[in-house]
Amino acid sequence: MKGNWEYIVGGAAIVGGAAVMFVPGGQVFGAGLISFGADVVIQKATTGEVNWVQTGISGGLGILGFGAGAAVGRAVQQPCGACGGRSRCGLGDHRGRRIPGPD
């Protein structure tokens, strides 16, 4: 185990990231931890060593990618920015239902 401590670090980051995903508001950080941990394990398994700068960048890109996806998801769920999803504006009630009216 002495020469394989990176596997423990990577595995702990993956498990920790998965746990953080269940904390409200922690999903973005959890995605970054999972990305970081996966990169650590993959690098150790394929090259025998870990480039810590590259794994840090991978974790940061995981945060950015997940954050961008979450922002797009919110924009799709609330297409009308004028009302901020708080009132009915004719496009829908922002809970997936259409306001009754003529088709």
PDB file of N, CA and C in Angstrom:
ATOM      1  N   MET A   1       0.817  -1.199   0.000  1.00  0.00           N
ATOM      2  CA  MET A   1       0.000   0.000   0.000  1.00  0.00           C
ATOM      3  C   MET A   1       0.860   1.261   0.000  1.00  0.00           C
ATOM      4  N   LYS A   2       2.133   1.092   0.358  1.00  0.00           N
ATOM      5  CA  LYS A   2       2.997   2.252   0.485  1.00  0.00           C
ATOM      6  C   LYS A   2       3.117   3.037  -0.814  1.00  0.00           C
ATOM      7  N   GLY A   3       3.219   2.368  -1.949  1.00  0.00           N
ATOM      8  CA  GLY A   3       3.369   3.048  -3.223  1.00  0.00           C
ATOM      9  C   GLY A   3       2.052   3.343  -3.923  1.00  0.00           C
ATOM     10  N   ASN A   4       0.944   3.015  -3.300  1.00  0.00           N
ATOM     11  CA  ASN A   4      -0.358   3.181  -3.941  1.00  0.00           C
ATOM     12  C   ASN A   4      -1.298   4.098  -3.166  1.00  0.00           C
ATOM     13  N   TRP A   5      -0.766   4.994  -2.380  1.00  0.00           N
ATOM     14  CA  TRP A   5      -1.603   5.873  -1.566  1.00  0.00           C
ATOM     15  C   TRP A   5      -2.474   6.785  -2.430  1.00  0.00           C
ATOM     16  N   GLU A   6      -2.071   7.004  -3.676  1.00  0.00           N
ATOM     17  CA  GLU A   6      -2.869   7.862  -4.565  1.00  0.00           C
ATOM     18  C   GLU A   6      -4.250   7.260  -4.826  1.00  0.00           C
ATOM     19  N   TYR A   7      -4.311   5.913  -4.875  1.00  0.00           N
ATOM     20  CA  TYR A   7      -5.614   5.259  -5.063  1.00  0.00           C
ATOM     21  C   TYR A   7      -6.555   5.580  -3.900  1.00  0.00           C
ATOM     22  N   ILE A   8      -6.006   5.625  -2.701  1.00  0.00           N
ATOM     23  CA  ILE A   8      -6.820   5.949  -1.525  1.00  0.00           C
ATOM     24  C   ILE A   8      -7.315   7.388  -1.605  1.00  0.00           C
ATOM     25  N   VAL A   9      -6.428   8.304  -2.005  1.00  0.00           N
ATOM     26  CA  VAL A   9      -6.821   9.712  -2.153  1.00  0.00           C
ATOM     27  C   VAL A   9      -7.912   9.848  -3.211  1.00  0.00           C
ATOM     28  N   GLY A  10      -7.713   9.205  -4.360  1.00  0.00           N
ATOM     29  CA  GLY A  10      -8.701   9.288  -5.439  1.00  0.00           C
ATOM     30  C   GLY A  10     -10.034   8.678  -5.043  1.00  0.00           C
ATOM     31  N   GLY A  11      -9.983   7.505  -4.412  1.00  0.00           N
ATOM     32  CA  GLY A  11     -11.216   6.851  -3.976  1.00  0.00           C
ATOM     33  C   GLY A  11     -11.952   7.665  -2.930  1.00  0.00           C
ATOM     34  N   ALA A  12     -11.208   8.243  -1.997  1.00  0.00           N
ATOM     35  CA  ALA A  12     -11.838   9.075  -0.965  1.00  0.00           C
ATOM     36  C   ALA A  12     -12.483  10.314  -1.583  1.00  0.00           C
ATOM     37  N   ALA A  13     -11.821  10.903  -2.601  1.00  0.00           N
ATOM     38  CA  ALA A  13     -12.399  12.074  -3.269  1.00  0.00           C
ATOM     39  C   ALA A  13     -13.683  11.699  -4.000  1.00  0.00           C
ATOM     40  N   ILE A  14     -13.706  10.538  -4.638  1.00  0.00           N
ATOM     41  CA  ILE A  14     -14.910  10.094  -5.349  1.00  0.00           C
ATOM     42  C   ILE A  14     -16.050   9.851  -4.370  1.00  0.00           C
ATOM     43  N   VAL A  15     -15.779   9.111  -3.298  1.00  0.00           N
ATOM     44  CA  VAL A  15     -16.817   8.822  -2.298  1.00  0.00           C
ATOM     45  C   VAL A  15     -17.265  10.107  -1.609  1.00  0.00           C
ATOM     46  N   GLY A  16     -16.314  10.971  -1.260  1.00  0.00           N
ATOM     47  CA  GLY A  16     -16.663  12.251  -0.639  1.00  0.00           C
ATOM     48  C   GLY A  16     -17.488  13.127  -1.566  1.00  0.00           C
ATOM     49  N   GLY A  17     -17.126  13.144  -2.849  1.00  0.00           N
ATOM     50  CA  GLY A  17     -17.891  13.923  -3.820  1.00  0.00           C
ATOM     51  C   GLY A  17     -19.311  13.407  -3.965  1.00  0.00           C
ATOM     52  N   ALA A  18     -19.452  12.086  -3.982  1.00  0.00           N
ATOM     53  CA  ALA A  18     -20.798  11.505  -4.070  1.00  0.00           C
ATOM     54  C   ALA A  18     -21.621  11.866  -2.835  1.00  0.00           C
ATOM     55  N   ALA A  19     -20.998  11.867  -1.680  1.00  0.00           N
ATOM     56  CA  ALA A  19     -21.711  12.228  -0.448  1.00  0.00           C
ATOM     57  C   ALA A  19     -22.120  13.697  -0.463  1.00  0.00           C
ATOM     58  N   VAL A  20     -21.240  14.568  -0.943  1.00  0.00           N
ATOM     59  CA  VAL A  20     -21.539  16.004  -0.990  1.00  0.00           C
ATOM     60  C   VAL A  20     -22.672  16.296  -1.972  1.00  0.00           C
ATOM     61  N   MET A  21     -22.853  15.440  -2.971  1.00  0.00           N
ATOM     62  CA  MET A  21     -23.936  15.643  -3.946  1.00  0.00           C
ATOM     63  C   MET A  21     -25.320  15.604  -3.274  1.00  0.00           C
ATOM     64  N   PHE A  22     -25.405  14.965  -2.106  1.00  0.00           N
ATOM     65  CA  PHE A  22     -26.677  14.875  -1.393  1.00  0.00           C
ATOM     66  C   PHE A  22     -26.933  16.073  -0.481  1.00  0.00           C
ATOM     67  N   VAL A  23     -25.950  16.936  -0.326  1.00  0.00           N
ATOM     68  CA  VAL A  23     -26.091  18.129   0.501  1.00  0.00           C
ATOM     69  C   VAL A  23     -26.675  19.246  -0.358  1.00  0.00           C
ATOM     70  N   PRO A  24     -27.769  19.874   0.070  1.00  0.00           N
ATOM     71  CA  PRO A  24     -28.338  20.956  -0.735  1.00  0.00           C
ATOM     72  C   PRO A  24     -27.302  22.045  -1.030  1.00  0.00           C
ATOM     73  N   GLY A  25     -27.145  22.350  -2.296  1.00  0.00           N
ATOM     74  CA  GLY A  25     -26.184  23.360  -2.719  1.00  0.00           C
ATOM     75  C   GLY A  25     -24.777  22.831  -2.906  1.00  0.00           C
ATOM     76  N   GLY A  26     -24.528  21.579  -2.596  1.00  0.00           N
ATOM     77  CA  GLY A  26     -23.190  21.020  -2.701  1.00  0.00           C
ATOM     78  C   GLY A  26     -22.918  20.242  -3.971  1.00  0.00           C
ATOM     79  N   GLN A  27     -23.878  20.210  -4.876  1.00  0.00           N
ATOM     80  CA  GLN A  27     -23.742  19.394  -6.072  1.00  0.00           C
ATOM     81  C   GLN A  27     -22.574  19.814  -6.953  1.00  0.00           C
ATOM     82  N   VAL A  28     -22.377  21.103  -7.116  1.00  0.00           N
ATOM     83  CA  VAL A  28     -21.294  21.585  -7.973  1.00  0.00           C
ATOM     84  C   VAL A  28     -19.944  21.179  -7.386  1.00  0.00           C
ATOM     85  N   PHE A  29     -19.748  21.375  -6.094  1.00  0.00           N
ATOM     86  CA  PHE A  29     -18.496  20.999  -5.446  1.00  0.00           C
ATOM     87  C   PHE A  29     -18.307  19.484  -5.476  1.00  0.00           C
ATOM     88  N   GLY A  30     -19.393  18.742  -5.291  1.00  0.00           N
ATOM     89  CA  GLY A  30     -19.324  17.284  -5.355  1.00  0.00           C
ATOM     90  C   GLY A  30     -18.890  16.791  -6.725  1.00  0.00           C
ATOM     91  N   ALA A  31     -19.394  17.427  -7.773  1.00  0.00           N
ATOM     92  CA  ALA A  31     -18.999  17.055  -9.131  1.00  0.00           C
ATOM     93  C   ALA A  31     -17.507  17.305  -9.345  1.00  0.00           C
ATOM     94  N   GLY A  32     -16.998  18.384  -8.793  1.00  0.00           N
ATOM     95  CA  GLY A  32     -15.573  18.673  -8.898  1.00  0.00           C
ATOM     96  C   GLY A  32     -14.722  17.641  -8.165  1.00  0.00           C
ATOM     97  N   LEU A  33     -15.172  17.232  -6.982  1.00  0.00           N
ATOM     98  CA  LEU A  33     -14.433  16.211  -6.227  1.00  0.00           C
ATOM     99  C   LEU A  33     -14.422  14.878  -6.965  1.00  0.00           C
ATOM    100  N   ILE A  34     -15.552  14.506  -7.543  1.00  0.00           N
ATOM    101  CA  ILE A  34     -15.626  13.251  -8.294  1.00  0.00           C
ATOM    102  C   ILE A  34     -14.703  13.306  -9.502  1.00  0.00           C
ATOM    103  N   SER A  35     -14.706  14.417 -10.214  1.00  0.00           N
ATOM    104  CA  SER A  35     -13.836  14.586 -11.366  1.00  0.00           C
ATOM    105  C   SER A  35     -12.364  14.501 -10.963  1.00  0.00           C
ATOM    106  N   PHE A  36     -12.017  15.178  -9.881  1.00  0.00           N
ATOM    107  CA  PHE A  36     -10.652  15.137  -9.361  1.00  0.00           C
ATOM    108  C   PHE A  36     -10.250  13.710  -8.989  1.00  0.00           C
ATOM    109  N   GLY A  37     -11.087  13.035  -8.218  1.00  0.00           N
ATOM    110  CA  GLY A  37     -10.773  11.684  -7.764  1.00  0.00           C
ATOM    111  C   GLY A  37     -10.656  10.689  -8.904  1.00  0.00           C
ATOM    112  N   ALA A  38     -11.542  10.802  -9.874  1.00  0.00           N
ATOM    113  CA  ALA A  38     -11.471   9.902 -11.025  1.00  0.00           C
ATOM    114  C   ALA A  38     -10.177  10.116 -11.800  1.00  0.00           C
ATOM    115  N   ASP A  39      -9.769  11.361 -11.962  1.00  0.00           N
ATOM    116  CA  ASP A  39      -8.537  11.645 -12.682  1.00  0.00           C
ATOM    117  C   ASP A  39      -7.319  11.111 -11.934  1.00  0.00           C
ATOM    118  N   VAL A  40      -7.326  11.210 -10.616  1.00  0.00           N
ATOM    119  CA  VAL A  40      -6.217  10.670  -9.819  1.00  0.00           C
ATOM    120  C   VAL A  40      -6.103   9.166 -10.041  1.00  0.00           C
ATOM    121  N   VAL A  41      -7.218   8.459  -9.933  1.00  0.00           N
ATOM    122  CA  VAL A  41      -7.204   6.999 -10.083  1.00  0.00           C
ATOM    123  C   VAL A  41      -6.794   6.606 -11.504  1.00  0.00           C
ATOM    124  N   ILE A  42      -7.330   7.287 -12.503  1.00  0.00           N
ATOM    125  CA  ILE A  42      -7.007   6.959 -13.898  1.00  0.00           C
ATOM    126  C   ILE A  42      -5.528   7.200 -14.196  1.00  0.00           C
ATOM    127  N   GLN A  43      -5.001   8.321 -13.744  1.00  0.00           N
ATOM    128  CA  GLN A  43      -3.585   8.607 -13.991  1.00  0.00           C
ATOM    129  C   GLN A  43      -2.681   7.587 -13.306  1.00  0.00           C
ATOM    130  N   LYS A  44      -2.992   7.250 -12.068  1.00  0.00           N
ATOM    131  CA  LYS A  44      -2.166   6.279 -11.345  1.00  0.00           C
ATOM    132  C   LYS A  44      -2.219   4.914 -12.022  1.00  0.00           C
ATOM    133  N   ALA A  45      -3.401   4.523 -12.489  1.00  0.00           N
ATOM    134  CA  ALA A  45      -3.558   3.212 -13.117  1.00  0.00           C
ATOM    135  C   ALA A  45      -2.892   3.143 -14.493  1.00  0.00           C
ATOM    136  N   THR A  46      -2.907   4.235 -15.243  1.00  0.00           N
ATOM    137  CA  THR A  46      -2.387   4.188 -16.608  1.00  0.00           C
ATOM    138  C   THR A  46      -0.915   4.558 -16.725  1.00  0.00           C
ATOM    139  N   THR A  47      -0.440   5.488 -15.890  1.00  0.00           N
ATOM    140  CA  THR A  47       0.949   5.937 -16.019  1.00  0.00           C
ATOM    141  C   THR A  47       1.813   5.560 -14.823  1.00  0.00           C
ATOM    142  N   GLY A  48       1.195   5.174 -13.722  1.00  0.00           N
ATOM    143  CA  GLY A  48       1.959   4.829 -12.529  1.00  0.00           C
ATOM    144  C   GLY A  48       2.286   6.014 -11.643  1.00  0.00           C
ATOM    145  N   GLU A  49       1.959   7.214 -12.087  1.00  0.00           N
ATOM    146  CA  GLU A  49       2.181   8.418 -11.279  1.00  0.00           C
ATOM    147  C   GLU A  49       1.025   9.383 -11.500  1.00  0.00           C
ATOM    148  N   VAL A  50       0.974  10.415 -10.671  1.00  0.00           N
ATOM    149  CA  VAL A  50      -0.127  11.384 -10.725  1.00  0.00           C
ATOM    150  C   VAL A  50       0.444  12.778 -10.911  1.00  0.00           C
ATOM    151  N   ASN A  51      -0.079  13.501 -11.887  1.00  0.00           N
ATOM    152  CA  ASN A  51       0.255  14.908 -12.096  1.00  0.00           C
ATOM    153  C   ASN A  51      -0.794  15.708 -11.336  1.00  0.00           C
ATOM    154  N   TRP A  52      -0.434  16.238 -10.168  1.00  0.00           N
ATOM    155  CA  TRP A  52      -1.405  16.883  -9.288  1.00  0.00           C
ATOM    156  C   TRP A  52      -1.958  18.173  -9.871  1.00  0.00           C
ATOM    157  N   VAL A  53      -1.183  18.880 -10.672  1.00  0.00           N
ATOM    158  CA  VAL A  53      -1.692  20.096 -11.319  1.00  0.00           C
ATOM    159  C   VAL A  53      -2.793  19.724 -12.302  1.00  0.00           C
ATOM    160  N   GLN A  54      -2.558  18.677 -13.076  1.00  0.00           N
ATOM    161  CA  GLN A  54      -3.552  18.244 -14.055  1.00  0.00           C
ATOM    162  C   GLN A  54      -4.831  17.753 -13.369  1.00  0.00           C
ATOM    163  N   THR A  55      -4.695  17.047 -12.253  1.00  0.00           N
ATOM    164  CA  THR A  55      -5.892  16.583 -11.553  1.00  0.00           C
ATOM    165  C   THR A  55      -6.659  17.754 -10.944  1.00  0.00           C
ATOM    166  N   GLY A  56      -5.941  18.771 -10.489  1.00  0.00           N
ATOM    167  CA  GLY A  56      -6.610  19.971  -9.974  1.00  0.00           C
ATOM    168  C   GLY A  56      -7.387  20.686 -11.069  1.00  0.00           C
ATOM    169  N   ILE A  57      -6.781  20.768 -12.249  1.00  0.00           N
ATOM    170  CA  ILE A  57      -7.477  21.379 -13.390  1.00  0.00           C
ATOM    171  C   ILE A  57      -8.705  20.561 -13.750  1.00  0.00           C
ATOM    172  N   SER A  58      -8.579  19.239 -13.713  1.00  0.00           N
ATOM    173  CA  SER A  58      -9.711  18.367 -14.013  1.00  0.00           C
ATOM    174  C   SER A  58     -10.858  18.596 -13.030  1.00  0.00           C
ATOM    175  N   GLY A  59     -10.532  18.735 -11.753  1.00  0.00           N
ATOM    176  CA  GLY A  59     -11.568  19.026 -10.756  1.00  0.00           C
ATOM    177  C   GLY A  59     -12.229  20.368 -10.998  1.00  0.00           C
ATOM    178  N   GLY A  60     -11.421  21.376 -11.354  1.00  0.00           N
ATOM    179  CA  GLY A  60     -11.979  22.697 -11.658  1.00  0.00           C
ATOM    180  C   GLY A  60     -12.888  22.671 -12.868  1.00  0.00           C
ATOM    181  N   LEU A  61     -12.487  21.918 -13.886  1.00  0.00           N
ATOM    182  CA  LEU A  61     -13.333  21.804 -15.080  1.00  0.00           C
ATOM    183  C   LEU A  61     -14.619  21.036 -14.781  1.00  0.00           C
ATOM    184  N   GLY A  62     -14.546  20.089 -13.851  1.00  0.00           N
ATOM    185  CA  GLY A  62     -15.757  19.393 -13.424  1.00  0.00           C
ATOM    186  C   GLY A  62     -16.741  20.345 -12.764  1.00  0.00           C
ATOM    187  N   ILE A  63     -16.214  21.258 -11.961  1.00  0.00           N
ATOM    188  CA  ILE A  63     -17.060  22.267 -11.319  1.00  0.00           C
ATOM    189  C   ILE A  63     -17.684  23.179 -12.367  1.00  0.00           C
ATOM    190  N   LEU A  64     -16.861  23.651 -13.313  1.00  0.00           N
ATOM    191  CA  LEU A  64     -17.378  24.544 -14.360  1.00  0.00           C
ATOM    192  C   LEU A  64     -18.416  23.860 -15.231  1.00  0.00           C
ATOM    193  N   GLY A  65     -18.133  22.628 -15.637  1.00  0.00           N
ATOM    194  CA  GLY A  65     -19.068  21.904 -16.501  1.00  0.00           C
ATOM    195  C   GLY A  65     -20.393  21.626 -15.820  1.00  0.00           C
ATOM    196  N   PHE A  66     -20.340  21.181 -14.573  1.00  0.00           N
ATOM    197  CA  PHE A  66     -21.574  20.905 -13.845  1.00  0.00           C
ATOM    198  C   PHE A  66     -22.342  22.190 -13.577  1.00  0.00           C
ATOM    199  N   GLY A  67     -21.618  23.257 -13.237  1.00  0.00           N
ATOM    200  CA  GLY A  67     -22.273  24.544 -12.995  1.00  0.00           C
ATOM    201  C   GLY A  67     -22.955  25.078 -14.236  1.00  0.00           C
ATOM    202  N   ALA A  68     -22.303  24.955 -15.390  1.00  0.00           N
ATOM    203  CA  ALA A  68     -22.912  25.407 -16.644  1.00  0.00           C
ATOM    204  C   ALA A  68     -24.137  24.575 -16.978  1.00  0.00           C
ATOM    205  N   GLY A  69     -24.049  23.267 -16.770  1.00  0.00           N
ATOM    206  CA  GLY A  69     -25.208  22.404 -17.025  1.00  0.00           C
ATOM    207  C   GLY A  69     -26.373  22.737 -16.116  1.00  0.00           C
ATOM    208  N   ALA A  70     -26.094  23.042 -14.866  1.00  0.00           N
ATOM    209  CA  ALA A  70     -27.158  23.416 -13.927  1.00  0.00           C
ATOM    210  C   ALA A  70     -27.805  24.734 -14.343  1.00  0.00           C
ATOM    211  N   ALA A  71     -26.993  25.683 -14.817  1.00  0.00           N
ATOM    212  CA  ALA A  71     -27.537  26.974 -15.257  1.00  0.00           C
ATOM    213  C   ALA A  71     -28.440  26.797 -16.476  1.00  0.00           C
ATOM    214  N   VAL A  72     -28.019  25.954 -17.415  1.00  0.00           N
ATOM    215  CA  VAL A  72     -28.851  25.693 -18.597  1.00  0.00           C
ATOM    216  C   VAL A  72     -30.137  25.001 -18.183  1.00  0.00           C
ATOM    217  N   GLY A  73     -30.039  24.068 -17.254  1.00  0.00           N
ATOM    218  CA  GLY A  73     -31.241  23.388 -16.766  1.00  0.00           C
ATOM    219  C   GLY A  73     -32.231  24.343 -16.132  1.00  0.00           C
ATOM    220  N   ARG A  74     -31.722  25.286 -15.353  1.00  0.00           N
ATOM    221  CA  ARG A  74     -32.607  26.283 -14.741  1.00  0.00           C
ATOM    222  C   ARG A  74     -33.245  27.165 -15.804  1.00  0.00           C
ATOM    223  N   ALA A  75     -32.474  27.521 -16.831  1.00  0.00           N
ATOM    224  CA  ALA A  75     -33.011  28.371 -17.904  1.00  0.00           C
ATOM    225  C   ALA A  75     -34.103  27.655 -18.681  1.00  0.00           C
ATOM    226  N   VAL A  76     -33.963  26.354 -18.859  1.00  0.00           N
ATOM    227  CA  VAL A  76     -34.982  25.580 -19.577  1.00  0.00           C
ATOM    228  C   VAL A  76     -36.236  25.436 -18.729  1.00  0.00           C
ATOM    229  N   GLN A  77     -36.064  25.270 -17.434  1.00  0.00           N
ATOM    230  CA  GLN A  77     -37.213  25.118 -16.547  1.00  0.00           C
ATOM    231  C   GLN A  77     -37.969  26.428 -16.373  1.00  0.00           C
ATOM    232  N   GLN A  78     -37.280  27.547 -16.421  1.00  0.00           N
ATOM    233  CA  GLN A  78     -37.902  28.854 -16.261  1.00  0.00           C
ATOM    234  C   GLN A  78     -37.552  29.708 -17.481  1.00  0.00           C
ATOM    235  N   PRO A  79     -38.246  29.485 -18.598  1.00  0.00           N
ATOM    236  CA  PRO A  79     -37.859  30.159 -19.830  1.00  0.00           C
ATOM    237  C   PRO A  79     -38.074  31.666 -19.819  1.00  0.00           C
ATOM    238  N   CYS A  80     -38.932  32.163 -18.971  1.00  0.00           N
ATOM    239  CA  CYS A  80     -39.231  33.599 -18.949  1.00  0.00           C
ATOM    240  C   CYS A  80     -38.458  34.245 -17.811  1.00  0.00           C
ATOM    241  N   GLY A  81     -37.470  35.043 -18.134  1.00  0.00           N
ATOM    242  CA  GLY A  81     -36.686  35.700 -17.104  1.00  0.00           C
ATOM    243  C   GLY A  81     -37.371  36.918 -16.528  1.00  0.00           C
ATOM    244  N   ALA A  82     -38.403  37.420 -17.213  1.00  0.00           N
ATOM    245  CA  ALA A  82     -39.057  38.653 -16.773  1.00  0.00           C
ATOM    246  C   ALA A  82     -39.749  38.487 -15.426  1.00  0.00           C
ATOM    247  N   CYS A  83     -40.348  37.322 -15.210  1.00  0.00           N
ATOM    248  CA  CYS A  83     -41.092  37.157 -13.959  1.00  0.00           C
ATOM    249  C   CYS A  83     -40.288  36.376 -12.925  1.00  0.00           C
ATOM    250  N   GLY A  84     -39.131  35.867 -13.303  1.00  0.00           N
ATOM    251  CA  GLY A  84     -38.286  35.156 -12.347  1.00  0.00           C
ATOM    252  C   GLY A  84     -38.905  33.882 -11.820  1.00  0.00           C
ATOM    253  N   GLY A  85     -39.907  33.353 -12.506  1.00  0.00           N
ATOM    254  CA  GLY A  85     -40.546  32.123 -12.076  1.00  0.00           C
ATOM    255  C   GLY A  85     -41.503  32.287 -10.913  1.00  0.00           C
ATOM    256  N   ARG A  86     -41.792  33.527 -10.521  1.00  0.00           N
ATOM    257  CA  ARG A  86     -42.647  33.749  -9.352  1.00  0.00           C
ATOM    258  C   ARG A  86     -44.109  33.982  -9.728  1.00  0.00           C
ATOM    259  N   SER A  87     -44.364  34.410 -10.950  1.00  0.00           N
ATOM    260  CA  SER A  87     -45.748  34.701 -11.316  1.00  0.00           C
ATOM    261  C   SER A  87     -46.079  34.057 -12.654  1.00  0.00           C
ATOM    262  N   ARG A  88     -47.330  34.117 -13.000  1.00  0.00           N
ATOM    263  CA  ARG A  88     -47.772  33.536 -14.267  1.00  0.00           C
ATOM    264  C   ARG A  88     -47.682  34.590 -15.354  1.00  0.00           C
ATOM    265  N   CYS A  89     -46.980  34.250 -16.425  1.00  0.00           N
ATOM    266  CA  CYS A  89     -46.748  35.248 -17.462  1.00  0.00           C
ATOM    267  C   CYS A  89     -47.304  34.835 -18.815  1.00  0.00           C
ATOM    268  N   GLY A  90     -47.995  33.710 -18.897  1.00  0.00           N
ATOM    269  CA  GLY A  90     -48.563  33.283 -20.165  1.00  0.00           C
ATOM    270  C   GLY A  90     -47.769  32.168 -20.823  1.00  0.00           C
ATOM    271  N   LEU A  91     -46.527  31.991 -20.436  1.00  0.00           N
ATOM    272  CA  LEU A  91     -45.731  30.903 -21.004  1.00  0.00           C
ATOM    273  C   LEU A  91     -45.942  29.599 -20.244  1.00  0.00           C
ATOM    274  N   GLY A  92     -46.467  29.692 -19.068  1.00  0.00           N
ATOM    275  CA  GLY A  92     -46.661  28.539 -18.197  1.00  0.00           C
ATOM    276  C   GLY A  92     -46.513  29.009 -16.766  1.00  0.00           C
ATOM    277  N   ASP A  93     -46.788  28.121 -15.841  1.00  0.00           N
ATOM    278  CA  ASP A  93     -46.656  28.532 -14.442  1.00  0.00           C
ATOM    279  C   ASP A  93     -45.297  28.118 -13.874  1.00  0.00           C
ATOM    280  N   HIS A  94     -44.370  27.739 -14.741  1.00  0.00           N
ATOM    281  CA  HIS A  94     -42.992  27.414 -14.373  1.00  0.00           C
ATOM    282  C   HIS A  94     -42.893  26.203 -13.462  1.00  0.00           C
ATOM    283  N   ARG A  95     -43.904  25.361 -13.473  1.00  0.00           N
ATOM    284  CA  ARG A  95     -43.833  24.081 -12.767  1.00  0.00           C
ATOM    285  C   ARG A  95     -44.171  22.951 -13.733  1.00  0.00           C
ATOM    286  N   GLY A  96     -44.009  23.211 -15.016  1.00  0.00           N
ATOM    287  CA  GLY A  96     -44.236  22.183 -16.012  1.00  0.00           C
ATOM    288  C   GLY A  96     -45.672  22.077 -16.498  1.00  0.00           C
ATOM    289  N   ARG A  97     -46.565  22.949 -15.994  1.00  0.00           N
ATOM    290  CA  ARG A  97     -47.967  22.898 -16.428  1.00  0.00           C
ATOM    291  C   ARG A  97     -48.252  24.134 -17.261  1.00  0.00           C
ATOM    292  N   ARG A  98     -49.115  23.967 -18.219  1.00  0.00           N
ATOM    293  CA  ARG A  98     -49.515  25.091 -19.057  1.00  0.00           C
ATOM    294  C   ARG A  98     -50.729  25.758 -18.442  1.00  0.00           C
ATOM    295  N   ILE A  99     -50.796  27.074 -18.528  1.00  0.00           N
ATOM    296  CA  ILE A  99     -51.950  27.813 -18.030  1.00  0.00           C
ATOM    297  C   ILE A  99     -53.147  27.484 -18.924  1.00  0.00           C
ATOM    298  N   PRO A 100     -54.292  27.144 -18.335  1.00  0.00           N
ATOM    299  CA  PRO A 100     -55.477  26.830 -19.158  1.00  0.00           C
ATOM    300  C   PRO A 100     -55.852  28.018 -20.035  1.00  0.00           C
ATOM    301  N   GLY A 101     -56.263  27.701 -21.231  1.00  0.00           N
ATOM    302  CA  GLY A 101     -56.663  28.737 -22.167  1.00  0.00           C
ATOM    303  C   GLY A 101     -56.844  28.149 -23.560  1.00  0.00           C
ATOM    304  N   PRO A 102     -57.185  28.975 -24.506  1.00  0.00           N
ATOM    305  CA  PRO A 102     -57.387  28.468 -25.860  1.00  0.00           C
ATOM    306  C   PRO A 102     -56.073  27.958 -26.446  1.00  0.00           C
ATOM    307  N   ASP A 103     -56.161  26.887 -27.207  1.00  0.00           N
ATOM    308  CA  ASP A 103     -54.951  26.305 -27.829  1.00  0.00           C
ATOM    309  C   ASP A 103     -54.639  26.935 -29.135  1.00  0.00           C
TER     310      ASP A 103
END
